[in-house]
Amino acid sequence: MPYYCPECGGEMVYMPSIKRYVCKSCGLTLTQQELIEMREKLRPSFESEEDEKQKRKKEYLKWWLSKKK
């Protein structure tokens, strides 16, 4: 699985000599742990599937109980 730079989106390659990932575009260097942490930080938080189901149920109930013309 290729890694992509969290800064510029360029491809990251692993350099075994320094034990770090290096961006081919901007030169950013990160350890694997730093790369994972940055990706988690930048990833948008999504509602869990259960939260989404509850939200839909509430919206449906609200619609069902509303006055319909």
PDB file of N, CA and C in Angstrom:
ATOM      1  N   MET A   1       0.846  -1.177   0.000  1.00  0.00           N
ATOM      2  CA  MET A   1       0.000   0.000   0.000  1.00  0.00           C
ATOM      3  C   MET A   1       0.893   1.242   0.000  1.00  0.00           C
ATOM      4  N   PRO A   2       0.760   2.058  -1.018  1.00  0.00           N
ATOM      5  CA  PRO A   2       1.589   3.266  -1.051  1.00  0.00           C
ATOM      6  C   PRO A   2       1.089   4.301  -0.047  1.00  0.00           C
ATOM      7  N   TYR A   3       2.017   5.035   0.517  1.00  0.00           N
ATOM      8  CA  TYR A   3       1.677   6.127   1.424  1.00  0.00           C
ATOM      9  C   TYR A   3       1.798   7.431   0.657  1.00  0.00           C
ATOM     10  N   TYR A   4       0.954   8.392   1.037  1.00  0.00           N
ATOM     11  CA  TYR A   4       0.994   9.703   0.403  1.00  0.00           C
ATOM     12  C   TYR A   4       1.279  10.762   1.451  1.00  0.00           C
ATOM     13  N   CYS A   5       1.967  11.787   1.046  1.00  0.00           N
ATOM     14  CA  CYS A   5       2.403  12.857   1.934  1.00  0.00           C
ATOM     15  C   CYS A   5       1.199  13.620   2.488  1.00  0.00           C
ATOM     16  N   PRO A   6       1.143  13.801   3.797  1.00  0.00           N
ATOM     17  CA  PRO A   6       0.038  14.566   4.378  1.00  0.00           C
ATOM     18  C   PRO A   6       0.141  16.062   4.091  1.00  0.00           C
ATOM     19  N   GLU A   7       1.308  16.514   3.666  1.00  0.00           N
ATOM     20  CA  GLU A   7       1.508  17.940   3.367  1.00  0.00           C
ATOM     21  C   GLU A   7       1.122  18.293   1.935  1.00  0.00           C
ATOM     22  N   CYS A   8       1.676  17.535   0.956  1.00  0.00           N
ATOM     23  CA  CYS A   8       1.474  17.914  -0.445  1.00  0.00           C
ATOM     24  C   CYS A   8       0.750  16.861  -1.269  1.00  0.00           C
ATOM     25  N   GLY A   9       0.577  15.649  -0.722  1.00  0.00           N
ATOM     26  CA  GLY A   9      -0.106  14.593  -1.456  1.00  0.00           C
ATOM     27  C   GLY A   9       0.817  13.775  -2.347  1.00  0.00           C
ATOM     28  N   GLY A  10       2.114  14.087  -2.330  1.00  0.00           N
ATOM     29  CA  GLY A  10       3.080  13.327  -3.133  1.00  0.00           C
ATOM     30  C   GLY A  10       3.291  11.928  -2.571  1.00  0.00           C
ATOM     31  N   GLU A  11       3.893  11.068  -3.387  1.00  0.00           N
ATOM     32  CA  GLU A  11       4.142   9.691  -2.956  1.00  0.00           C
ATOM     33  C   GLU A  11       5.293   9.638  -1.958  1.00  0.00           C
ATOM     34  N   MET A  12       5.101   8.846  -0.910  1.00  0.00           N
ATOM     35  CA  MET A  12       6.139   8.661   0.104  1.00  0.00           C
ATOM     36  C   MET A  12       6.842   7.333  -0.168  1.00  0.00           C
ATOM     37  N   VAL A  13       8.167   7.338  -0.100  1.00  0.00           N
ATOM     38  CA  VAL A  13       8.940   6.109  -0.273  1.00  0.00           C
ATOM     39  C   VAL A  13       9.732   5.845   1.000  1.00  0.00           C
ATOM     40  N   TYR A  14       9.870   4.568   1.347  1.00  0.00           N
ATOM     41  CA  TYR A  14      10.606   4.203   2.556  1.00  0.00           C
ATOM     42  C   TYR A  14      12.092   4.138   2.248  1.00  0.00           C
ATOM     43  N   MET A  15      12.896   4.794   3.070  1.00  0.00           N
ATOM     44  CA  MET A  15      14.354   4.779   2.936  1.00  0.00           C
ATOM     45  C   MET A  15      14.909   3.955   4.097  1.00  0.00           C
ATOM     46  N   PRO A  16      15.289   2.703   3.843  1.00  0.00           N
ATOM     47  CA  PRO A  16      15.769   1.838   4.924  1.00  0.00           C
ATOM     48  C   PRO A  16      17.015   2.372   5.630  1.00  0.00           C
ATOM     49  N   SER A  17      17.851   3.115   4.926  1.00  0.00           N
ATOM     50  CA  SER A  17      19.091   3.621   5.528  1.00  0.00           C
ATOM     51  C   SER A  17      18.824   4.588   6.677  1.00  0.00           C
ATOM     52  N   ILE A  18      17.726   5.359   6.585  1.00  0.00           N
ATOM     53  CA  ILE A  18      17.392   6.309   7.652  1.00  0.00           C
ATOM     54  C   ILE A  18      16.145   5.885   8.418  1.00  0.00           C
ATOM     55  N   LYS A  19      15.523   4.779   7.976  1.00  0.00           N
ATOM     56  CA  LYS A  19      14.319   4.227   8.615  1.00  0.00           C
ATOM     57  C   LYS A  19      13.188   5.245   8.692  1.00  0.00           C
ATOM     58  N   ARG A  20      12.988   5.952   7.583  1.00  0.00           N
ATOM     59  CA  ARG A  20      11.934   6.968   7.513  1.00  0.00           C
ATOM     60  C   ARG A  20      11.318   6.961   6.115  1.00  0.00           C
ATOM     61  N   TYR A  21      10.100   7.485   6.045  1.00  0.00           N
ATOM     62  CA  TYR A  21       9.444   7.694   4.756  1.00  0.00           C
ATOM     63  C   TYR A  21       9.789   9.101   4.293  1.00  0.00           C
ATOM     64  N   VAL A  22      10.092   9.235   2.994  1.00  0.00           N
ATOM     65  CA  VAL A  22      10.466  10.517   2.421  1.00  0.00           C
ATOM     66  C   VAL A  22       9.529  10.819   1.259  1.00  0.00           C
ATOM     67  N   CYS A  23       9.001  12.042   1.232  1.00  0.00           N
ATOM     68  CA  CYS A  23       8.119  12.459   0.148  1.00  0.00           C
ATOM     69  C   CYS A  23       8.956  12.767  -1.087  1.00  0.00           C
ATOM     70  N   LYS A  24       8.532  12.208  -2.230  1.00  0.00           N
ATOM     71  CA  LYS A  24       9.256  12.454  -3.485  1.00  0.00           C
ATOM     72  C   LYS A  24       9.082  13.896  -3.963  1.00  0.00           C
ATOM     73  N   SER A  25       7.997  14.552  -3.554  1.00  0.00           N
ATOM     74  CA  SER A  25       7.717  15.907  -4.034  1.00  0.00           C
ATOM     75  C   SER A  25       8.319  17.000  -3.164  1.00  0.00           C
ATOM     76  N   CYS A  26       7.990  16.976  -1.857  1.00  0.00           N
ATOM     77  CA  CYS A  26       8.405  18.095  -1.010  1.00  0.00           C
ATOM     78  C   CYS A  26       9.562  17.760  -0.067  1.00  0.00           C
ATOM     79  N   GLY A  27       9.922  16.474   0.050  1.00  0.00           N
ATOM     80  CA  GLY A  27      11.057  16.100   0.885  1.00  0.00           C
ATOM     81  C   GLY A  27      10.740  15.888   2.355  1.00  0.00           C
ATOM     82  N   LEU A  28       9.485  15.957   2.746  1.00  0.00           N
ATOM     83  CA  LEU A  28       9.101  15.725   4.132  1.00  0.00           C
ATOM     84  C   LEU A  28       9.509  14.313   4.539  1.00  0.00           C
ATOM     85  N   THR A  29      10.103  14.180   5.737  1.00  0.00           N
ATOM     86  CA  THR A  29      10.489  12.860   6.230  1.00  0.00           C
ATOM     87  C   THR A  29       9.737  12.564   7.517  1.00  0.00           C
ATOM     88  N   LEU A  30       9.200  11.339   7.598  1.00  0.00           N
ATOM     89  CA  LEU A  30       8.427  10.915   8.761  1.00  0.00           C
ATOM     90  C   LEU A  30       8.699   9.447   9.055  1.00  0.00           C
ATOM     91  N   THR A  31       8.649   9.087  10.333  1.00  0.00           N
ATOM     92  CA  THR A  31       8.688   7.674  10.688  1.00  0.00           C
ATOM     93  C   THR A  31       7.307   7.103  10.368  1.00  0.00           C
ATOM     94  N   GLN A  32       7.200   5.791  10.374  1.00  0.00           N
ATOM     95  CA  GLN A  32       5.901   5.186  10.088  1.00  0.00           C
ATOM     96  C   GLN A  32       4.871   5.610  11.132  1.00  0.00           C
ATOM     97  N   GLN A  33       5.265   5.667  12.391  1.00  0.00           N
ATOM     98  CA  GLN A  33       4.339   6.072  13.454  1.00  0.00           C
ATOM     99  C   GLN A  33       3.882   7.519  13.257  1.00  0.00           C
ATOM    100  N   GLU A  34       4.795   8.415  12.920  1.00  0.00           N
ATOM    101  CA  GLU A  34       4.432   9.816  12.673  1.00  0.00           C
ATOM    102  C   GLU A  34       3.477   9.921  11.493  1.00  0.00           C
ATOM    103  N   LEU A  35       3.731   9.127  10.457  1.00  0.00           N
ATOM    104  CA  LEU A  35       2.878   9.129   9.268  1.00  0.00           C
ATOM    105  C   LEU A  35       1.465   8.671   9.618  1.00  0.00           C
ATOM    106  N   ILE A  36       1.346   7.612  10.401  1.00  0.00           N
ATOM    107  CA  ILE A  36       0.045   7.104  10.828  1.00  0.00           C
ATOM    108  C   ILE A  36      -0.682   8.147  11.672  1.00  0.00           C
ATOM    109  N   GLU A  37       0.028   8.768  12.614  1.00  0.00           N
ATOM    110  CA  GLU A  37      -0.581   9.776  13.481  1.00  0.00           C
ATOM    111  C   GLU A  37      -1.078  10.982  12.685  1.00  0.00           C
ATOM    112  N   MET A  38      -0.293  11.432  11.707  1.00  0.00           N
ATOM    113  CA  MET A  38      -0.710  12.584  10.891  1.00  0.00           C
ATOM    114  C   MET A  38      -1.929  12.234  10.046  1.00  0.00           C
ATOM    115  N   ARG A  39      -1.968  11.022   9.506  1.00  0.00           N
ATOM    116  CA  ARG A  39      -3.119  10.609   8.706  1.00  0.00           C
ATOM    117  C   ARG A  39      -4.375  10.556   9.568  1.00  0.00           C
ATOM    118  N   GLU A  40      -4.262  10.041  10.792  1.00  0.00           N
ATOM    119  CA  GLU A  40      -5.405   9.986  11.700  1.00  0.00           C
ATOM    120  C   GLU A  40      -5.900  11.387  12.061  1.00  0.00           C
ATOM    121  N   LYS A  41      -4.960  12.299  12.271  1.00  0.00           N
ATOM    122  CA  LYS A  41      -5.307  13.670  12.642  1.00  0.00           C
ATOM    123  C   LYS A  41      -6.025  14.382  11.499  1.00  0.00           C
ATOM    124  N   LEU A  42      -5.598  14.113  10.263  1.00  0.00           N
ATOM    125  CA  LEU A  42      -6.172  14.785   9.106  1.00  0.00           C
ATOM    126  C   LEU A  42      -7.445  14.121   8.605  1.00  0.00           C
ATOM    127  N   ARG A  43      -7.686  12.870   8.981  1.00  0.00           N
ATOM    128  CA  ARG A  43      -8.861  12.142   8.523  1.00  0.00           C
ATOM    129  C   ARG A  43     -10.113  12.743   9.158  1.00  0.00           C
ATOM    130  N   PRO A  44     -11.118  13.033   8.334  1.00  0.00           N
ATOM    131  CA  PRO A  44     -12.351  13.567   8.908  1.00  0.00           C
ATOM    132  C   PRO A  44     -13.028  12.514   9.767  1.00  0.00           C
ATOM    133  N   SER A  45     -13.654  12.957  10.844  1.00  0.00           N
ATOM    134  CA  SER A  45     -14.338  12.009  11.713  1.00  0.00           C
ATOM    135  C   SER A  45     -15.729  11.745  11.153  1.00  0.00           C
ATOM    136  N   PHE A  46     -16.030  10.486  10.997  1.00  0.00           N
ATOM    137  CA  PHE A  46     -17.325  10.078  10.478  1.00  0.00           C
ATOM    138  C   PHE A  46     -18.156   9.502  11.613  1.00  0.00           C
ATOM    139  N   GLU A  47     -19.455   9.669  11.504  1.00  0.00           N
ATOM    140  CA  GLU A  47     -20.335   9.079  12.490  1.00  0.00           C
ATOM    141  C   GLU A  47     -20.285   7.568  12.317  1.00  0.00           C
ATOM    142  N   SER A  48     -20.425   6.866  13.405  1.00  0.00           N
ATOM    143  CA  SER A  48     -20.448   5.417  13.304  1.00  0.00           C
ATOM    144  C   SER A  48     -21.729   4.991  12.605  1.00  0.00           C
ATOM    145  N   GLU A  49     -21.754   3.770  12.133  1.00  0.00           N
ATOM    146  CA  GLU A  49     -22.932   3.266  11.433  1.00  0.00           C
ATOM    147  C   GLU A  49     -24.154   3.275  12.350  1.00  0.00           C
ATOM    148  N   GLU A  50     -23.950   2.933  13.609  1.00  0.00           N
ATOM    149  CA  GLU A  50     -25.057   2.923  14.571  1.00  0.00           C
ATOM    150  C   GLU A  50     -25.600   4.335  14.789  1.00  0.00           C
ATOM    151  N   ASP A  51     -24.718   5.328  14.895  1.00  0.00           N
ATOM    152  CA  ASP A  51     -25.154   6.717  15.044  1.00  0.00           C
ATOM    153  C   ASP A  51     -25.979   7.155  13.839  1.00  0.00           C
ATOM    154  N   GLU A  52     -25.540   6.755  12.657  1.00  0.00           N
ATOM    155  CA  GLU A  52     -26.252   7.104  11.430  1.00  0.00           C
ATOM    156  C   GLU A  52     -27.652   6.484  11.427  1.00  0.00           C
ATOM    157  N   LYS A  53     -27.779   5.226  11.860  1.00  0.00           N
ATOM    158  CA  LYS A  53     -29.090   4.575  11.928  1.00  0.00           C
ATOM    159  C   LYS A  53     -30.011   5.301  12.900  1.00  0.00           C
ATOM    160  N   GLN A  54     -29.488   5.666  14.067  1.00  0.00           N
ATOM    161  CA  GLN A  54     -30.295   6.372  15.062  1.00  0.00           C
ATOM    162  C   GLN A  54     -30.773   7.721  14.523  1.00  0.00           C
ATOM    163  N   LYS A  55     -29.901   8.406  13.819  1.00  0.00           N
ATOM    164  CA  LYS A  55     -30.243   9.703  13.242  1.00  0.00           C
ATOM    165  C   LYS A  55     -31.380   9.547  12.225  1.00  0.00           C
ATOM    166  N   ARG A  56     -31.293   8.529  11.365  1.00  0.00           N
ATOM    167  CA  ARG A  56     -32.340   8.285  10.381  1.00  0.00           C
ATOM    168  C   ARG A  56     -33.666   7.939  11.050  1.00  0.00           C
ATOM    169  N   LYS A  57     -33.608   7.126  12.107  1.00  0.00           N
ATOM    170  CA  LYS A  57     -34.833   6.762  12.828  1.00  0.00           C
ATOM    171  C   LYS A  57     -35.512   7.993  13.417  1.00  0.00           C
ATOM    172  N   LYS A  58     -34.717   8.879  14.032  1.00  0.00           N
ATOM    173  CA  LYS A  58     -35.274  10.094  14.623  1.00  0.00           C
ATOM    174  C   LYS A  58     -35.897  10.993  13.562  1.00  0.00           C
ATOM    175  N   GLU A  59     -35.216  11.131  12.416  1.00  0.00           N
ATOM    176  CA  GLU A  59     -35.749  11.967  11.342  1.00  0.00           C
ATOM    177  C   GLU A  59     -37.054  11.388  10.802  1.00  0.00           C
ATOM    178  N   TYR A  60     -37.118  10.067  10.656  1.00  0.00           N
ATOM    179  CA  TYR A  60     -38.331   9.427  10.160  1.00  0.00           C
ATOM    180  C   TYR A  60     -39.474   9.607  11.154  1.00  0.00           C
ATOM    181  N   LEU A  61     -39.176   9.408  12.427  1.00  0.00           N
ATOM    182  CA  LEU A  61     -40.203   9.570  13.456  1.00  0.00           C
ATOM    183  C   LEU A  61     -40.721  11.005  13.481  1.00  0.00           C
ATOM    184  N   LYS A  62     -39.829  11.954  13.369  1.00  0.00           N
ATOM    185  CA  LYS A  62     -40.229  13.366  13.337  1.00  0.00           C
ATOM    186  C   LYS A  62     -41.130  13.625  12.132  1.00  0.00           C
ATOM    187  N   TRP A  63     -40.773  13.092  10.976  1.00  0.00           N
ATOM    188  CA  TRP A  63     -41.601  13.251   9.780  1.00  0.00           C
ATOM    189  C   TRP A  63     -42.948  12.574   9.987  1.00  0.00           C
ATOM    190  N   TRP A  64     -42.958  11.358  10.526  1.00  0.00           N
ATOM    191  CA  TRP A  64     -44.188  10.593  10.710  1.00  0.00           C
ATOM    192  C   TRP A  64     -45.166  11.294  11.660  1.00  0.00           C
ATOM    193  N   LEU A  65     -44.628  11.915  12.692  1.00  0.00           N
ATOM    194  CA  LEU A  65     -45.476  12.590  13.675  1.00  0.00           C
ATOM    195  C   LEU A  65     -45.896  13.997  13.249  1.00  0.00           C
ATOM    196  N   SER A  66     -45.270  14.524  12.237  1.00  0.00           N
ATOM    197  CA  SER A  66     -45.607  15.876  11.797  1.00  0.00           C
ATOM    198  C   SER A  66     -46.957  15.865  11.070  1.00  0.00           C
ATOM    199  N   LYS A  67     -47.551  17.056  10.984  1.00  0.00           N
ATOM    200  CA  LYS A  67     -48.822  17.182  10.273  1.00  0.00           C
ATOM    201  C   LYS A  67     -48.559  17.063   8.781  1.00  0.00           C
ATOM    202  N   LYS A  68     -49.276  16.173   8.172  1.00  0.00           N
ATOM    203  CA  LYS A  68     -49.122  15.990   6.720  1.00  0.00           C
ATOM    204  C   LYS A  68     -50.321  16.605   6.026  1.00  0.00           C
ATOM    205  N   LYS A  69     -50.102  17.250   4.921  1.00  0.00           N
ATOM    206  CA  LYS A  69     -51.202  17.914   4.207  1.00  0.00           C
ATOM    207  C   LYS A  69     -51.816  16.986   3.206  1.00  0.00           C
TER     208      LYS A  69
END
